Amino acid sequence: MVRNDALYKLWLEFLGDVLQGPPAASTHYEAQLLKLMAESFNGSFASRNHVSPEWENHILSCWPLDYIPNDPPGGYDFRQQPLLRWFVFTGQTAPQSYGRVPAALASDHQKGVWEDLSRPWGVNHQLSIPLRLGGPDHNAYLVSRPDRDFTEQEMALAGLLQPVLTGLSLQLIVASAQASLVPKSSAHDLTGRELTILTLLSEGLTAEALARRLTISPRTATKHLEHIYRKLDVRDRLMAVQQARLLGILAPTPEIPAGAPSKRSCT
């Protein structure tokens, strides 16, 4: 369970970043969430799905982007989809994997038809983590991979993440509703944590020093730097600080009057 503990810590750091950021910025976290989901479960891709009581399945978001169509090919009767049958007919809300759906709910023929449909995208095994959002619709995060069913350790991690994912989804729903009320000049959608890191960068701290100062892992610090560089459209820390000052995100470098002693002067 050591791997689960390390992954859960990463997820809590991610959750903290979302909750600390401005509301409008939360809507940009979905791709990062799905990427972390796929990495956590060694999946080919991850998606967020919404299924109505009429069995209409819509993929709301996917990582990698456009890996599969938002609306699956027509002609397939989703009343035959094994995982959906499990959730609908059992009323269970805990995570479930495709390989654990019993034959009483999904015959070999039903599973074979689904596998034929999904094989082009490398979907022979799926892990579904339902979101407990209430209402008649079924909302879930799905991790898909081609080679093997999900282990007991992975199922345990899914159970740990279920309330985290539900809370994040509620946050994203609220953020989407409020996005139009937030000024567009919101510091290039930098989160509170990213603004803190940018300020520390301007003080000359390295990635390792950032990690120590903020008590986060070096990997997490590097990820934050990557996000900052992407949002500011720069390639390194020096350019990030310069661009932030040009945009007014950071205070400009104070000018030293001519003839004034420098900070390193002994006089």
Foldseek 3Di string as FASTA:
>chain_A
DVLLVVLVVVLVVLLVQLVQFDLLLLLVCPQVVFVSVCVSQVFPKKFKWKAAPVRQIATPAIPVGPLDDRGADPDDRSCLVQVVQVCVVPVDQAKDKSVPRDCVRHPPVSLVVVCVRCVVSQFNMKIWHWAPPDDRMTITMMGGHRDDYGDPVVSVSSRVCRVVVNVSVVSSVVSVVCNVVDDPPPLLSQTPVLLVVLVVLVVPDDLVRVCVVVVHDSVVSVVSVVVLCVSLVHDDSVVSNVSCCVSVSDPDDDDDDPPDDDPPDPD
